Protein backbone atom coordinates (compact mmCIF):
# COMPACT_ATOMS: atom_id res chain seq x y z
CA MET A 1 -24.72 9.03 -18.25
CA GLY A 2 -21.16 9.08 -18.64
CA GLU A 3 -20.01 9.86 -15.73
CA ASP A 4 -21.00 6.19 -14.84
CA SER A 5 -18.90 5.18 -16.11
CA LYS A 6 -15.66 6.50 -15.34
CA VAL A 7 -12.99 4.36 -15.71
CA VAL A 8 -9.74 5.25 -14.03
CA ALA A 9 -5.83 4.48 -16.17
CA PRO A 10 -4.08 1.56 -13.86
CA PRO A 11 -1.16 4.31 -12.76
CA HIS A 12 -3.32 6.01 -10.65
CA ASP A 13 -6.01 3.01 -10.04
CA LEU A 14 -5.23 3.08 -6.07
CA ASN A 15 -8.28 0.37 -5.32
CA ALA A 16 -6.19 -1.82 -7.20
CA LYS A 17 -2.77 -1.29 -5.63
CA TRP A 18 -4.51 -2.52 -2.30
CA ASP A 19 -5.39 -5.98 -4.06
CA ALA A 20 -2.93 -6.48 -5.82
CA CYS A 21 0.00 -5.02 -2.18
CA LEU A 22 -3.30 -7.65 0.20
CA ASP A 23 -2.66 -10.49 -2.34
CA LEU A 24 1.09 -10.13 -2.06
CA GLY A 25 1.19 -9.80 1.29
CA LEU A 26 0.08 -12.25 3.00
CA ARG A 27 1.29 -15.14 0.08
CA ARG A 28 4.32 -14.01 1.03
CA VAL A 29 3.84 -14.04 4.58
CA VAL A 30 2.07 -17.11 4.22
CA TYR A 31 4.88 -19.05 2.35
CA SER A 32 8.17 -17.68 3.90
CA SER A 33 5.88 -18.42 7.47
CA LEU A 34 6.00 -22.32 6.09
CA ALA A 35 9.80 -22.15 5.20
CA GLY A 36 10.61 -21.47 8.47
CA ALA A 37 8.43 -23.73 10.51
CA PHE A 38 10.06 -26.49 7.49
CA THR A 39 14.36 -25.38 8.46
CA GLY A 40 12.38 -25.60 12.00
CA LEU A 41 11.26 -29.06 11.87
CA LEU A 42 14.40 -30.38 9.65
CA PHE A 43 17.19 -28.37 12.31
CA LEU A 44 16.46 -27.02 15.26
CA ARG A 45 15.40 -29.60 18.13
CA SER A 46 14.03 -26.95 20.72
CA PRO A 47 10.41 -25.87 20.46
CA VAL A 48 11.54 -22.04 21.17
CA THR A 49 14.19 -22.00 17.92
CA ARG A 50 11.57 -23.13 15.98
CA TRP A 51 9.38 -20.95 16.99
CA ALA A 52 11.72 -18.36 16.13
CA SER A 53 12.48 -18.93 12.77
CA VAL A 54 8.76 -19.39 11.88
CA ALA A 55 8.67 -15.86 13.11
CA LEU A 56 12.21 -14.69 11.13
CA GLY A 57 10.20 -16.56 8.19
CA ALA A 58 7.13 -14.32 8.81
CA GLY A 59 9.31 -10.89 8.68
CA ILE A 60 11.40 -11.73 6.08
CA GLY A 61 7.92 -11.96 3.62
CA ILE A 62 6.61 -8.53 6.25
CA GLY A 63 9.51 -6.88 4.83
CA SER A 64 9.92 -8.05 1.68
CA ALA A 65 5.76 -7.71 0.67
CA TYR A 66 6.26 -3.85 2.30
CA THR A 67 9.08 -2.84 0.11
CA GLU A 68 7.47 -4.38 -3.34
CA CYS A 69 3.97 -1.72 -2.00
CA SER A 70 5.98 1.37 -2.07
CA TYR A 71 7.51 1.03 -4.76
CA LYS A 72 3.54 -0.34 -6.56
CA PHE A 73 2.95 2.92 -4.45
CA ASP A 74 5.61 5.02 -5.51
CA GLY A 75 5.59 4.65 -8.97
CA SER A 76 9.04 3.73 -8.73
CA THR A 77 10.38 0.97 -11.15
CA ALA A 78 13.67 1.47 -10.25
CA LYS A 79 15.49 -1.14 -7.75
CA LEU A 80 18.43 0.10 -5.72
CA VAL A 81 21.37 1.11 -6.12
CA ALA A 82 24.56 2.21 -4.94
CA PRO A 83 25.67 6.03 -5.53
CA SER A 84 28.37 6.62 -8.60
CA SER A 85 31.74 7.83 -6.70
CA GLU A 86 31.38 10.56 -9.68
CA SER A 87 28.15 11.89 -7.90
CA HIS A 88 30.10 12.91 -4.56
CA SER A 89 32.58 14.36 -6.08
CA SER A 90 30.20 17.10 -7.93
CA LEU A 91 28.92 17.34 -4.81
CA GLY A 92 31.63 20.28 -3.70
CA GLY A 93 33.65 17.09 -1.65
CA HIS A 94 37.30 16.80 -0.39
CA GLU A 95 39.39 14.65 -1.95
């Protein structure tokens, strides 16, 4: 009976991470596609460029969702930081 009531710790629960990433991905793709469609309707006249703005919005949504999900699966809460000049000089670089 004790084995049936196992609870997985939240940082290691892959099902919760996949659910969150699918939800995040779907929302970002839909919202950014709608933003691209709205922008295309306001500023662009050709149907081809309007569809291109929708595709650009969808691509931006997919890319941002992928980046956020990679942070979730890697367990990293750190954001991108430019390398400092001290770390390059300590690696034996010539100046």
